Amino acid sequence: MNRQKPIVIIAILILAIAVSFALPKPKYKSLDILSEMRIPGSAADWTSKDISKEFNTEDERYNFLSEIFARVYTDKNDNSLLFLVLDAGNFHNPKVCFSASGYKVKELNDTQINVAGRSFKAISLYTQRNNDGIVLLYWLCIDKKITGWTGQKVKELWASIFQTKKAGLMVRLEIPAQEKSIDNALAFGKKFLNDISSNLSPDQIDYLFGK
């Protein structure tokens, strides 16, 4: 696992690819759940750097996004990961975005996440370009329920028809790793989730990890 700088560069690149797939639309207006959260910048052995301002969400191509939470967390051994939460009206599949930016994408078995009394499976990928490898874990949590891609599209259509707002978040971990160390990266990510969740309120936990 590498230091912070490569993670920041990769995060900006991948979000730029996602934006390229999004046609300009009226700015998405959410329930502003993410802006009300107080996700800690430090917990247990973790410190962090906020990189949210690296993304220019004022660009109209980002109209599908309401807000971005993006922090690079580093443990006491100087190992880092990116914790990314997107509040959006129409999510883009990370597999497509990574592939479009030149990464080879390998689908992994879904990862069982047990955190704060919740149990669910996170979609898991291993991506690599040149010497940059990333283990990616992500899930969609809409109105406090873990939702798959099909469910997300149905909820988006429903909200569009009836002009209702929903609390829709994509929660994502990006962990630098070589292919031989995938298992270690997954364990590293799970430890982070357990450490960070211990510093969240029950309501915040519901929005991030479901009920």
N, C-alpha and C. Protein backbone atom coordinates (compact mmCIF):
# COMPACT_ATOMS: atom_id res chain seq x y z
N MET A 1 0.84 -1.20 0.00
CA MET A 1 0.00 0.00 0.00
C MET A 1 0.87 1.25 0.00
N ASN A 2 0.45 2.23 -0.79
CA ASN A 2 1.31 3.37 -1.05
C ASN A 2 0.88 4.59 -0.25
N ARG A 3 1.58 5.68 -0.49
CA ARG A 3 1.29 6.91 0.21
C ARG A 3 0.11 7.63 -0.44
N GLN A 4 -0.17 8.83 0.05
CA GLN A 4 -1.40 9.51 -0.30
C GLN A 4 -1.47 10.00 -1.75
N LYS A 5 -0.38 10.53 -2.29
CA LYS A 5 -0.44 11.23 -3.57
C LYS A 5 -1.03 10.39 -4.70
N PRO A 6 -0.59 9.13 -4.90
CA PRO A 6 -1.17 8.35 -5.99
C PRO A 6 -2.68 8.16 -5.83
N ILE A 7 -3.16 8.02 -4.60
CA ILE A 7 -4.60 7.84 -4.38
C ILE A 7 -5.36 9.07 -4.85
N VAL A 8 -4.87 10.24 -4.52
CA VAL A 8 -5.53 11.48 -4.90
C VAL A 8 -5.60 11.60 -6.42
N ILE A 9 -4.49 11.35 -7.10
CA ILE A 9 -4.45 11.45 -8.56
C ILE A 9 -5.44 10.48 -9.20
N ILE A 10 -5.46 9.25 -8.72
CA ILE A 10 -6.35 8.24 -9.28
C ILE A 10 -7.80 8.61 -9.04
N ALA A 11 -8.13 9.10 -7.84
CA ALA A 11 -9.50 9.48 -7.52
C ALA A 11 -10.01 10.57 -8.45
N ILE A 12 -9.20 11.58 -8.68
CA ILE A 12 -9.60 12.68 -9.56
C ILE A 12 -9.79 12.18 -10.98
N LEU A 13 -8.89 11.31 -11.44
CA LEU A 13 -8.97 10.76 -12.79
C LEU A 13 -10.26 9.97 -12.98
N ILE A 14 -10.58 9.10 -12.03
CA ILE A 14 -11.75 8.24 -12.17
C ILE A 14 -13.03 9.05 -12.13
N LEU A 15 -13.11 10.05 -11.26
CA LEU A 15 -14.32 10.87 -11.21
C LEU A 15 -14.46 11.67 -12.50
N ALA A 16 -13.34 12.09 -13.08
CA ALA A 16 -13.39 12.81 -14.36
C ALA A 16 -13.97 11.92 -15.45
N ILE A 17 -13.63 10.63 -15.42
CA ILE A 17 -14.19 9.69 -16.40
C ILE A 17 -15.69 9.55 -16.18
N ALA A 18 -16.12 9.47 -14.93
CA ALA A 18 -17.55 9.37 -14.63
C ALA A 18 -18.29 10.58 -15.17
N VAL A 19 -17.69 11.76 -15.01
CA VAL A 19 -18.30 12.99 -15.49
C VAL A 19 -18.46 12.97 -17.00
N SER A 20 -17.50 12.37 -17.70
CA SER A 20 -17.55 12.34 -19.16
C SER A 20 -18.74 11.55 -19.68
N PHE A 21 -19.28 10.65 -18.85
CA PHE A 21 -20.44 9.88 -19.24
C PHE A 21 -21.75 10.61 -18.94
N ALA A 22 -21.68 11.69 -18.20
CA ALA A 22 -22.89 12.37 -17.74
C ALA A 22 -23.22 13.56 -18.63
N LEU A 23 -24.42 13.52 -19.23
CA LEU A 23 -24.87 14.65 -20.01
C LEU A 23 -25.31 15.76 -19.07
N PRO A 24 -25.09 17.03 -19.44
CA PRO A 24 -25.53 18.12 -18.57
C PRO A 24 -27.02 18.06 -18.30
N LYS A 25 -27.40 18.13 -17.05
CA LYS A 25 -28.79 18.10 -16.60
C LYS A 25 -28.95 19.16 -15.52
N PRO A 26 -30.20 19.48 -15.17
CA PRO A 26 -30.38 20.39 -14.04
C PRO A 26 -29.67 19.85 -12.81
N LYS A 27 -29.13 20.76 -11.99
CA LYS A 27 -28.38 20.36 -10.81
C LYS A 27 -29.23 19.48 -9.91
N TYR A 28 -28.69 18.32 -9.56
CA TYR A 28 -29.40 17.39 -8.68
C TYR A 28 -29.51 17.99 -7.28
N LYS A 29 -30.71 17.98 -6.74
CA LYS A 29 -30.95 18.49 -5.39
C LYS A 29 -31.34 17.33 -4.49
N SER A 30 -30.50 17.07 -3.53
CA SER A 30 -30.72 15.94 -2.63
C SER A 30 -31.29 16.42 -1.31
N LEU A 31 -31.37 15.51 -0.36
CA LEU A 31 -31.81 15.85 0.99
C LEU A 31 -30.66 16.42 1.83
N ASP A 32 -29.49 16.55 1.23
CA ASP A 32 -28.31 17.11 1.91
C ASP A 32 -27.91 16.32 3.15
N ILE A 33 -28.11 15.02 3.08
CA ILE A 33 -27.75 14.16 4.21
C ILE A 33 -26.25 14.21 4.47
N LEU A 34 -25.47 14.16 3.40
CA LEU A 34 -24.02 14.09 3.55
C LEU A 34 -23.46 15.36 4.20
N SER A 35 -24.02 16.51 3.84
CA SER A 35 -23.51 17.76 4.40
C SER A 35 -23.77 17.86 5.90
N GLU A 36 -24.76 17.12 6.39
CA GLU A 36 -25.09 17.15 7.81
C GLU A 36 -24.31 16.14 8.63
N MET A 37 -23.64 15.22 7.94
CA MET A 37 -22.86 14.21 8.65
C MET A 37 -21.58 14.80 9.21
N ARG A 38 -21.10 14.20 10.27
CA ARG A 38 -19.84 14.60 10.86
C ARG A 38 -18.92 13.37 10.91
N ILE A 39 -18.52 12.93 9.72
CA ILE A 39 -17.61 11.80 9.64
C ILE A 39 -16.25 12.25 10.16
N PRO A 40 -15.72 11.59 11.18
CA PRO A 40 -14.48 12.09 11.81
C PRO A 40 -13.28 12.01 10.88
N GLY A 41 -12.41 12.99 11.02
CA GLY A 41 -11.17 13.00 10.26
C GLY A 41 -10.09 12.14 10.88
N SER A 42 -10.31 11.72 12.12
CA SER A 42 -9.35 10.84 12.79
C SER A 42 -10.13 9.86 13.66
N ALA A 43 -9.58 8.67 13.81
CA ALA A 43 -10.21 7.64 14.64
C ALA A 43 -9.18 6.56 14.91
N ALA A 44 -9.12 6.11 16.16
CA ALA A 44 -8.15 5.06 16.53
C ALA A 44 -6.76 5.46 16.03
N ASP A 45 -6.18 4.64 15.15
CA ASP A 45 -4.83 4.92 14.65
C ASP A 45 -4.82 5.73 13.36
N TRP A 46 -5.97 6.28 12.97
CA TRP A 46 -6.10 6.91 11.67
C TRP A 46 -6.03 8.43 11.74
N THR A 47 -5.34 9.03 10.78
CA THR A 47 -5.41 10.47 10.53
C THR A 47 -5.81 10.62 9.06
N SER A 48 -6.20 11.83 8.67
CA SER A 48 -6.69 11.95 7.29
C SER A 48 -6.40 13.30 6.69
N LYS A 49 -6.55 13.36 5.37
CA LYS A 49 -6.44 14.59 4.60
C LYS A 49 -7.68 14.71 3.74
N ASP A 50 -8.37 15.86 3.83
CA ASP A 50 -9.57 16.12 3.04
C ASP A 50 -9.16 16.50 1.62
N ILE A 51 -9.65 15.74 0.63
CA ILE A 51 -9.36 16.08 -0.77
C ILE A 51 -10.63 16.44 -1.54
N SER A 52 -11.72 16.69 -0.82
CA SER A 52 -13.00 16.99 -1.47
C SER A 52 -12.90 18.17 -2.42
N LYS A 53 -12.10 19.18 -2.06
CA LYS A 53 -12.01 20.39 -2.87
C LYS A 53 -11.20 20.17 -4.15
N GLU A 54 -10.61 18.98 -4.30
CA GLU A 54 -9.90 18.68 -5.54
C GLU A 54 -10.88 18.49 -6.70
N PHE A 55 -12.16 18.28 -6.38
CA PHE A 55 -13.18 18.04 -7.40
C PHE A 55 -13.99 19.31 -7.62
N ASN A 56 -14.03 19.79 -8.84
CA ASN A 56 -14.73 21.03 -9.16
C ASN A 56 -16.21 20.73 -9.43
N THR A 57 -17.00 20.61 -8.38
CA THR A 57 -18.41 20.24 -8.54
C THR A 57 -19.27 21.39 -9.07
N GLU A 58 -18.68 22.59 -9.24
CA GLU A 58 -19.44 23.70 -9.82
C GLU A 58 -19.58 23.55 -11.33
N ASP A 59 -18.72 22.73 -11.93
CA ASP A 59 -18.83 22.45 -13.36
C ASP A 59 -20.18 21.78 -13.62
N GLU A 60 -20.88 22.21 -14.67
CA GLU A 60 -22.22 21.68 -14.94
C GLU A 60 -22.22 20.19 -15.25
N ARG A 61 -21.06 19.66 -15.63
CA ARG A 61 -20.98 18.22 -15.88
C ARG A 61 -21.14 17.42 -14.60
N TYR A 62 -20.97 18.08 -13.46
CA TYR A 62 -21.14 17.42 -12.17
C TYR A 62 -22.57 17.58 -11.63
N ASN A 63 -23.50 17.97 -12.49
CA ASN A 63 -24.86 18.23 -12.02
C ASN A 63 -25.54 17.02 -11.40
N PHE A 64 -25.05 15.82 -11.75
CA PHE A 64 -25.65 14.62 -11.16
C PHE A 64 -25.22 14.41 -9.71
N LEU A 65 -24.24 15.22 -9.27
CA LEU A 65 -23.73 15.12 -7.90
C LEU A 65 -24.24 16.27 -7.04
N SER A 66 -24.60 15.95 -5.80
CA SER A 66 -24.93 16.99 -4.84
C SER A 66 -23.72 17.35 -4.00
N GLU A 67 -23.03 16.33 -3.50
CA GLU A 67 -21.88 16.59 -2.63
C GLU A 67 -20.94 15.40 -2.64
N ILE A 68 -19.67 15.67 -2.36
CA ILE A 68 -18.64 14.64 -2.30
C ILE A 68 -17.94 14.71 -0.95
N PHE A 69 -17.82 13.57 -0.30
CA PHE A 69 -16.94 13.44 0.86
C PHE A 69 -15.76 12.60 0.40
N ALA A 70 -14.56 13.14 0.49
CA ALA A 70 -13.37 12.41 0.02
C ALA A 70 -12.21 12.70 0.95
N ARG A 71 -11.77 11.67 1.67
CA ARG A 71 -10.62 11.80 2.57
C ARG A 71 -9.67 10.63 2.37
N VAL A 72 -8.39 10.94 2.37
CA VAL A 72 -7.37 9.89 2.38
C VAL A 72 -6.99 9.65 3.84
N TYR A 73 -7.26 8.45 4.32
CA TYR A 73 -6.95 8.08 5.71
C TYR A 73 -5.66 7.27 5.74
N THR A 74 -4.81 7.58 6.72
CA THR A 74 -3.52 6.92 6.86
C THR A 74 -3.38 6.38 8.28
N ASP A 75 -2.93 5.13 8.39
CA ASP A 75 -2.77 4.54 9.72
C ASP A 75 -1.37 4.81 10.28
N LYS A 76 -1.10 4.30 11.45
CA LYS A 76 0.19 4.57 12.12
C LYS A 76 1.37 3.96 11.39
N ASN A 77 1.11 2.99 10.48
CA ASN A 77 2.18 2.38 9.70
C ASN A 77 2.36 3.04 8.33
N ASP A 78 1.69 4.17 8.14
CA ASP A 78 1.79 4.97 6.92
C ASP A 78 1.14 4.28 5.72
N ASN A 79 0.17 3.39 5.96
CA ASN A 79 -0.63 2.79 4.91
C ASN A 79 -1.90 3.61 4.74
N SER A 80 -2.29 3.84 3.49
CA SER A 80 -3.40 4.75 3.21
C SER A 80 -4.50 4.09 2.39
N LEU A 81 -5.69 4.69 2.50
CA LEU A 81 -6.81 4.34 1.64
C LEU A 81 -7.65 5.59 1.42
N LEU A 82 -8.46 5.55 0.38
CA LEU A 82 -9.39 6.64 0.11
C LEU A 82 -10.79 6.22 0.54
N PHE A 83 -11.42 7.05 1.36
CA PHE A 83 -12.81 6.84 1.76
C PHE A 83 -13.63 7.90 1.02
N LEU A 84 -14.49 7.43 0.12
CA LEU A 84 -15.24 8.31 -0.76
C LEU A 84 -16.73 8.06 -0.58
N VAL A 85 -17.50 9.12 -0.36
CA VAL A 85 -18.96 9.02 -0.28
C VAL A 85 -19.54 10.03 -1.25
N LEU A 86 -20.36 9.56 -2.18
CA LEU A 86 -20.98 10.43 -3.18
C LEU A 86 -22.48 10.52 -2.91
N ASP A 87 -22.98 11.74 -2.86
CA ASP A 87 -24.41 12.00 -2.77
C ASP A 87 -24.84 12.39 -4.18
N ALA A 88 -25.51 11.47 -4.87
CA ALA A 88 -25.78 11.68 -6.30
C ALA A 88 -27.18 11.24 -6.69
N GLY A 89 -27.61 11.74 -7.85
CA GLY A 89 -28.92 11.37 -8.35
C GLY A 89 -28.86 10.23 -9.35
N ASN A 90 -27.70 10.00 -9.92
CA ASN A 90 -27.57 8.93 -10.91
C ASN A 90 -26.14 8.41 -10.84
N PHE A 91 -25.94 7.28 -10.20
CA PHE A 91 -24.59 6.77 -9.97
C PHE A 91 -24.01 6.14 -11.23
N HIS A 92 -22.69 6.19 -11.33
CA HIS A 92 -21.98 5.59 -12.45
C HIS A 92 -21.17 4.40 -11.94
N ASN A 93 -21.20 3.33 -12.72
CA ASN A 93 -20.57 2.09 -12.30
C ASN A 93 -19.04 2.25 -12.30
N PRO A 94 -18.39 2.07 -11.15
CA PRO A 94 -16.93 2.22 -11.08
C PRO A 94 -16.19 1.29 -12.05
N LYS A 95 -16.74 0.12 -12.32
CA LYS A 95 -16.08 -0.80 -13.25
C LYS A 95 -15.93 -0.15 -14.62
N VAL A 96 -16.99 0.53 -15.07
CA VAL A 96 -16.94 1.20 -16.37
C VAL A 96 -15.94 2.35 -16.34
N CYS A 97 -15.96 3.12 -15.26
CA CYS A 97 -15.07 4.28 -15.16
C CYS A 97 -13.60 3.89 -15.14
N PHE A 98 -13.26 2.85 -14.36
CA PHE A 98 -11.88 2.40 -14.31
C PHE A 98 -11.44 1.83 -15.65
N SER A 99 -12.31 1.05 -16.30
CA SER A 99 -11.97 0.48 -17.60
C SER A 99 -11.73 1.58 -18.63
N ALA A 100 -12.58 2.61 -18.61
CA ALA A 100 -12.46 3.71 -19.57
C ALA A 100 -11.19 4.51 -19.36
N SER A 101 -10.64 4.48 -18.15
CA SER A 101 -9.42 5.24 -17.88
C SER A 101 -8.16 4.39 -18.04
N GLY A 102 -8.31 3.20 -18.62
CA GLY A 102 -7.14 2.40 -18.96
C GLY A 102 -6.75 1.34 -17.97
N TYR A 103 -7.57 1.11 -16.96
CA TYR A 103 -7.27 0.08 -15.96
C TYR A 103 -7.82 -1.27 -16.41
N LYS A 104 -7.07 -2.31 -16.15
CA LYS A 104 -7.59 -3.67 -16.29
C LYS A 104 -8.41 -3.96 -15.03
N VAL A 105 -9.61 -4.44 -15.21
CA VAL A 105 -10.51 -4.64 -14.09
C VAL A 105 -10.81 -6.13 -13.91
N LYS A 106 -10.57 -6.61 -12.72
CA LYS A 106 -10.86 -8.01 -12.38
C LYS A 106 -11.95 -8.03 -11.30
N GLU A 107 -13.03 -8.70 -11.60
CA GLU A 107 -14.11 -8.80 -10.63
C GLU A 107 -13.73 -9.82 -9.55
N LEU A 108 -13.89 -9.42 -8.31
CA LEU A 108 -13.64 -10.31 -7.18
C LEU A 108 -14.97 -10.78 -6.61
N ASN A 109 -14.92 -11.80 -5.78
CA ASN A 109 -16.13 -12.19 -5.06
C ASN A 109 -16.57 -11.03 -4.17
N ASP A 110 -17.87 -10.87 -4.02
CA ASP A 110 -18.36 -9.84 -3.12
C ASP A 110 -17.76 -10.04 -1.72
N THR A 111 -17.49 -8.93 -1.06
CA THR A 111 -16.85 -8.98 0.25
C THR A 111 -17.90 -8.81 1.35
N GLN A 112 -17.91 -9.73 2.28
CA GLN A 112 -18.84 -9.64 3.41
C GLN A 112 -18.36 -8.56 4.38
N ILE A 113 -19.22 -7.60 4.61
CA ILE A 113 -18.91 -6.51 5.53
C ILE A 113 -19.77 -6.67 6.78
N ASN A 114 -19.12 -6.72 7.92
CA ASN A 114 -19.82 -6.78 9.21
C ASN A 114 -19.37 -5.57 10.02
N VAL A 115 -20.25 -4.59 10.13
CA VAL A 115 -19.88 -3.34 10.77
C VAL A 115 -21.07 -2.77 11.52
N ALA A 116 -20.82 -2.36 12.76
CA ALA A 116 -21.84 -1.70 13.58
C ALA A 116 -23.14 -2.50 13.66
N GLY A 117 -23.02 -3.81 13.72
CA GLY A 117 -24.19 -4.67 13.82
C GLY A 117 -24.90 -4.90 12.50
N ARG A 118 -24.35 -4.38 11.41
CA ARG A 118 -24.92 -4.60 10.08
C ARG A 118 -24.09 -5.64 9.35
N SER A 119 -24.73 -6.36 8.45
CA SER A 119 -24.03 -7.36 7.65
C SER A 119 -24.54 -7.28 6.22
N PHE A 120 -23.64 -7.03 5.28
CA PHE A 120 -24.03 -6.92 3.87
C PHE A 120 -22.82 -7.24 3.01
N LYS A 121 -23.04 -7.35 1.73
CA LYS A 121 -21.94 -7.65 0.80
C LYS A 121 -21.61 -6.41 -0.03
N ALA A 122 -20.32 -6.11 -0.11
CA ALA A 122 -19.83 -4.99 -0.92
C ALA A 122 -19.31 -5.53 -2.25
N ILE A 123 -19.61 -4.84 -3.33
CA ILE A 123 -19.06 -5.20 -4.64
C ILE A 123 -17.55 -4.95 -4.59
N SER A 124 -16.79 -5.89 -5.12
CA SER A 124 -15.33 -5.84 -4.98
C SER A 124 -14.65 -6.01 -6.33
N LEU A 125 -13.67 -5.16 -6.60
CA LEU A 125 -12.92 -5.21 -7.84
C LEU A 125 -11.43 -5.08 -7.55
N TYR A 126 -10.62 -5.62 -8.44
CA TYR A 126 -9.18 -5.31 -8.41
C TYR A 126 -8.85 -4.67 -9.75
N THR A 127 -8.28 -3.48 -9.71
CA THR A 127 -7.95 -2.76 -10.94
C THR A 127 -6.45 -2.50 -10.98
N GLN A 128 -5.90 -2.51 -12.19
CA GLN A 128 -4.45 -2.30 -12.32
C GLN A 128 -4.13 -1.61 -13.63
N ARG A 129 -3.23 -0.66 -13.54
CA ARG A 129 -2.68 0.00 -14.73
C ARG A 129 -1.21 0.26 -14.45
N ASN A 130 -0.35 -0.30 -15.29
CA ASN A 130 1.09 -0.24 -15.04
C ASN A 130 1.38 -0.80 -13.64
N ASN A 131 1.98 -0.02 -12.77
CA ASN A 131 2.28 -0.50 -11.42
C ASN A 131 1.25 -0.07 -10.38
N ASP A 132 0.19 0.59 -10.84
CA ASP A 132 -0.83 1.06 -9.91
C ASP A 132 -1.96 0.03 -9.79
N GLY A 133 -2.06 -0.59 -8.63
CA GLY A 133 -3.13 -1.54 -8.37
C GLY A 133 -4.02 -1.02 -7.26
N ILE A 134 -5.32 -1.26 -7.38
CA ILE A 134 -6.28 -0.78 -6.39
C ILE A 134 -7.30 -1.87 -6.12
N VAL A 135 -7.54 -2.12 -4.85
CA VAL A 135 -8.69 -2.94 -4.43
C VAL A 135 -9.83 -1.96 -4.15
N LEU A 136 -10.94 -2.20 -4.81
CA LEU A 136 -12.09 -1.29 -4.71
C LEU A 136 -13.26 -2.02 -4.06
N LEU A 137 -13.81 -1.42 -3.01
CA LEU A 137 -15.02 -1.92 -2.37
C LEU A 137 -16.06 -0.81 -2.44
N TYR A 138 -17.29 -1.16 -2.83
CA TYR A 138 -18.31 -0.12 -2.83
C TYR A 138 -19.71 -0.73 -2.69
N TRP A 139 -20.64 0.12 -2.27
CA TRP A 139 -22.05 -0.27 -2.18
C TRP A 139 -22.90 0.98 -2.28
N LEU A 140 -24.16 0.78 -2.62
CA LEU A 140 -25.13 1.86 -2.70
C LEU A 140 -26.07 1.74 -1.51
N CYS A 141 -26.30 2.85 -0.83
CA CYS A 141 -27.22 2.87 0.30
C CYS A 141 -28.24 3.98 0.03
N ILE A 142 -29.47 3.59 -0.26
CA ILE A 142 -30.52 4.55 -0.62
C ILE A 142 -31.64 4.48 0.41
N ASP A 143 -31.93 5.63 1.00
CA ASP A 143 -32.94 5.70 2.06
C ASP A 143 -32.67 4.67 3.15
N LYS A 144 -31.39 4.58 3.52
CA LYS A 144 -30.94 3.71 4.61
C LYS A 144 -31.06 2.22 4.31
N LYS A 145 -31.08 1.87 3.02
CA LYS A 145 -31.15 0.46 2.63
C LYS A 145 -30.07 0.17 1.58
N ILE A 146 -29.31 -0.92 1.79
CA ILE A 146 -28.32 -1.34 0.81
C ILE A 146 -29.07 -1.78 -0.44
N THR A 147 -28.67 -1.23 -1.59
CA THR A 147 -29.42 -1.41 -2.83
C THR A 147 -28.47 -1.80 -3.96
N GLY A 148 -28.91 -2.71 -4.84
CA GLY A 148 -28.12 -3.08 -6.00
C GLY A 148 -28.33 -2.12 -7.15
N TRP A 149 -27.64 -2.36 -8.27
CA TRP A 149 -27.74 -1.45 -9.41
C TRP A 149 -29.15 -1.39 -9.99
N THR A 150 -29.80 -2.54 -10.11
CA THR A 150 -31.16 -2.55 -10.64
C THR A 150 -32.11 -1.79 -9.72
N GLY A 151 -31.98 -2.05 -8.42
CA GLY A 151 -32.82 -1.35 -7.45
C GLY A 151 -32.60 0.15 -7.48
N GLN A 152 -31.34 0.55 -7.69
CA GLN A 152 -31.03 1.98 -7.75
C GLN A 152 -31.72 2.64 -8.93
N LYS A 153 -31.71 1.98 -10.09
CA LYS A 153 -32.35 2.55 -11.28
C LYS A 153 -33.86 2.66 -11.09
N VAL A 154 -34.45 1.66 -10.45
CA VAL A 154 -35.90 1.69 -10.18
C VAL A 154 -36.24 2.85 -9.25
N LYS A 155 -35.45 3.01 -8.19
CA LYS A 155 -35.68 4.10 -7.24
C LYS A 155 -35.49 5.46 -7.91
N GLU A 156 -34.50 5.57 -8.80
CA GLU A 156 -34.27 6.82 -9.51
C GLU A 156 -35.45 7.15 -10.42
N LEU A 157 -35.96 6.14 -11.13
CA LEU A 157 -37.11 6.35 -12.00
C LEU A 157 -38.33 6.77 -11.19
N TRP A 158 -38.54 6.08 -10.08
CA TRP A 158 -39.68 6.38 -9.21
C TRP A 158 -39.60 7.82 -8.69
N ALA A 159 -38.42 8.21 -8.24
CA ALA A 159 -38.25 9.57 -7.72
C ALA A 159 -38.46 10.61 -8.80
N SER A 160 -38.04 10.28 -10.04
CA SER A 160 -38.20 11.21 -11.15
C SER A 160 -39.67 11.38 -11.51
N ILE A 161 -40.40 10.28 -11.54
CA ILE A 161 -41.82 10.32 -11.91
C ILE A 161 -42.63 11.12 -10.89
N PHE A 162 -42.36 10.87 -9.62
CA PHE A 162 -43.17 11.48 -8.57
C PHE A 162 -42.52 12.72 -7.95
N GLN A 163 -41.38 13.14 -8.55
CA GLN A 163 -40.72 14.36 -8.10
C GLN A 163 -40.44 14.35 -6.60
N THR A 164 -39.90 13.23 -6.13
CA THR A 164 -39.56 13.10 -4.72
C THR A 164 -38.05 13.06 -4.55
N LYS A 165 -37.59 13.37 -3.37
CA LYS A 165 -36.17 13.32 -3.07
C LYS A 165 -35.85 12.06 -2.30
N LYS A 166 -34.62 11.57 -2.47
CA LYS A 166 -34.19 10.38 -1.75
C LYS A 166 -32.80 10.62 -1.18
N ALA A 167 -32.46 9.86 -0.16
CA ALA A 167 -31.11 9.92 0.41
C ALA A 167 -30.30 8.81 -0.24
N GLY A 168 -29.60 9.15 -1.31
CA GLY A 168 -28.85 8.15 -2.06
C GLY A 168 -27.35 8.38 -1.98
N LEU A 169 -26.64 7.41 -1.42
CA LEU A 169 -25.19 7.52 -1.27
C LEU A 169 -24.48 6.32 -1.89
N MET A 170 -23.36 6.59 -2.54
CA MET A 170 -22.42 5.52 -2.89
C MET A 170 -21.26 5.63 -1.92
N VAL A 171 -20.98 4.54 -1.23
CA VAL A 171 -19.87 4.50 -0.27
C VAL A 171 -18.77 3.64 -0.88
N ARG A 172 -17.54 4.16 -0.87
CA ARG A 172 -16.48 3.50 -1.62
C ARG A 172 -15.16 3.56 -0.88
N LEU A 173 -14.43 2.46 -0.89
CA LEU A 173 -13.06 2.40 -0.41
C LEU A 173 -12.15 2.07 -1.58
N GLU A 174 -11.05 2.81 -1.71
CA GLU A 174 -10.04 2.51 -2.72
C GLU A 174 -8.72 2.29 -1.99
N ILE A 175 -8.19 1.07 -2.10
CA ILE A 175 -7.03 0.68 -1.32
C ILE A 175 -5.89 0.29 -2.26
N PRO A 176 -4.80 1.05 -2.30
CA PRO A 176 -3.66 0.68 -3.14
C PRO A 176 -3.12 -0.69 -2.73
N ALA A 177 -2.92 -1.57 -3.71
CA ALA A 177 -2.43 -2.91 -3.39
C ALA A 177 -1.95 -3.60 -4.66
N GLN A 178 -1.02 -4.53 -4.50
CA GLN A 178 -0.64 -5.42 -5.58
C GLN A 178 -1.56 -6.64 -5.55
N GLU A 179 -1.65 -7.32 -6.67
CA GLU A 179 -2.61 -8.43 -6.76
C GLU A 179 -2.34 -9.51 -5.72
N LYS A 180 -1.08 -9.74 -5.38
CA LYS A 180 -0.75 -10.78 -4.41
C LYS A 180 -1.18 -10.41 -2.99
N SER A 181 -1.50 -9.14 -2.77
CA SER A 181 -1.86 -8.71 -1.42
C SER A 181 -3.34 -8.29 -1.30
N ILE A 182 -4.18 -8.81 -2.19
CA ILE A 182 -5.60 -8.46 -2.17
C ILE A 182 -6.24 -8.78 -0.83
N ASP A 183 -5.97 -9.95 -0.30
CA ASP A 183 -6.58 -10.35 0.98
C ASP A 183 -6.18 -9.39 2.10
N ASN A 184 -4.92 -8.99 2.11
CA ASN A 184 -4.47 -8.05 3.13
C ASN A 184 -5.16 -6.69 2.97
N ALA A 185 -5.36 -6.28 1.72
CA ALA A 185 -6.03 -5.01 1.47
C ALA A 185 -7.48 -5.06 1.93
N LEU A 186 -8.15 -6.18 1.70
CA LEU A 186 -9.54 -6.32 2.14
C LEU A 186 -9.63 -6.26 3.67
N ALA A 187 -8.70 -6.93 4.35
CA ALA A 187 -8.69 -6.90 5.81
C ALA A 187 -8.41 -5.47 6.31
N PHE A 188 -7.53 -4.77 5.62
CA PHE A 188 -7.20 -3.38 5.95
C PHE A 188 -8.45 -2.50 5.84
N GLY A 189 -9.20 -2.69 4.75
CA GLY A 189 -10.42 -1.92 4.55
C GLY A 189 -11.47 -2.21 5.60
N LYS A 190 -11.63 -3.47 5.97
CA LYS A 190 -12.62 -3.85 6.98
C LYS A 190 -12.26 -3.25 8.34
N LYS A 191 -10.96 -3.25 8.66
CA LYS A 191 -10.54 -2.66 9.93
C LYS A 191 -10.88 -1.16 9.96
N PHE A 192 -10.63 -0.48 8.84
CA PHE A 192 -10.95 0.94 8.78
C PHE A 192 -12.44 1.17 9.02
N LEU A 193 -13.29 0.40 8.36
CA LEU A 193 -14.74 0.59 8.51
C LEU A 193 -15.18 0.39 9.95
N ASN A 194 -14.63 -0.60 10.61
CA ASN A 194 -14.98 -0.82 12.01
C ASN A 194 -14.49 0.31 12.91
N ASP A 195 -13.29 0.80 12.63
CA ASP A 195 -12.74 1.89 13.45
C ASP A 195 -13.53 3.17 13.25
N ILE A 196 -13.86 3.50 11.99
CA ILE A 196 -14.56 4.76 11.72
C ILE A 196 -16.00 4.71 12.20
N SER A 197 -16.63 3.53 12.10
CA SER A 197 -18.04 3.43 12.50
C SER A 197 -18.23 3.61 14.00
N SER A 198 -17.20 3.32 14.77
CA SER A 198 -17.30 3.46 16.22
C SER A 198 -17.38 4.92 16.64
N ASN A 199 -17.12 5.83 15.68
CA ASN A 199 -17.17 7.26 15.97
C ASN A 199 -18.35 7.95 15.26
N LEU A 200 -19.31 7.16 14.78
CA LEU A 200 -20.48 7.71 14.09
C LEU A 200 -21.73 7.54 14.94
N SER A 201 -22.68 8.44 14.75
CA SER A 201 -23.96 8.31 15.45
C SER A 201 -24.79 7.21 14.80
N PRO A 202 -25.78 6.65 15.51
CA PRO A 202 -26.63 5.60 14.92
C PRO A 202 -27.28 6.03 13.61
N ASP A 203 -27.73 7.29 13.51
CA ASP A 203 -28.38 7.76 12.30
C ASP A 203 -27.40 7.81 11.13
N GLN A 204 -26.17 8.25 11.39
CA GLN A 204 -25.15 8.28 10.35
C GLN A 204 -24.80 6.87 9.88
N ILE A 205 -24.73 5.96 10.82
CA ILE A 205 -24.45 4.56 10.48
C ILE A 205 -25.53 4.01 9.56
N ASP A 206 -26.80 4.35 9.84
CA ASP A 206 -27.91 3.89 9.00
C ASP A 206 -27.76 4.39 7.56
N TYR A 207 -27.38 5.65 7.40
CA TYR A 207 -27.27 6.21 6.06
C TYR A 207 -26.10 5.62 5.28
N LEU A 208 -25.03 5.26 5.98
CA LEU A 208 -23.84 4.72 5.30
C LEU A 208 -23.88 3.21 5.11
N PHE A 209 -24.42 2.50 6.10
CA PHE A 209 -24.35 1.05 6.11
C PHE A 209 -25.73 0.37 6.13
N GLY A 210 -26.79 1.13 6.04
CA GLY A 210 -28.14 0.56 6.02
C GLY A 210 -28.65 0.22 7.41
N LYS A 211 -29.91 -0.16 7.44
CA LYS A 211 -30.55 -0.52 8.71
C LYS A 211 -30.85 -2.02 8.74
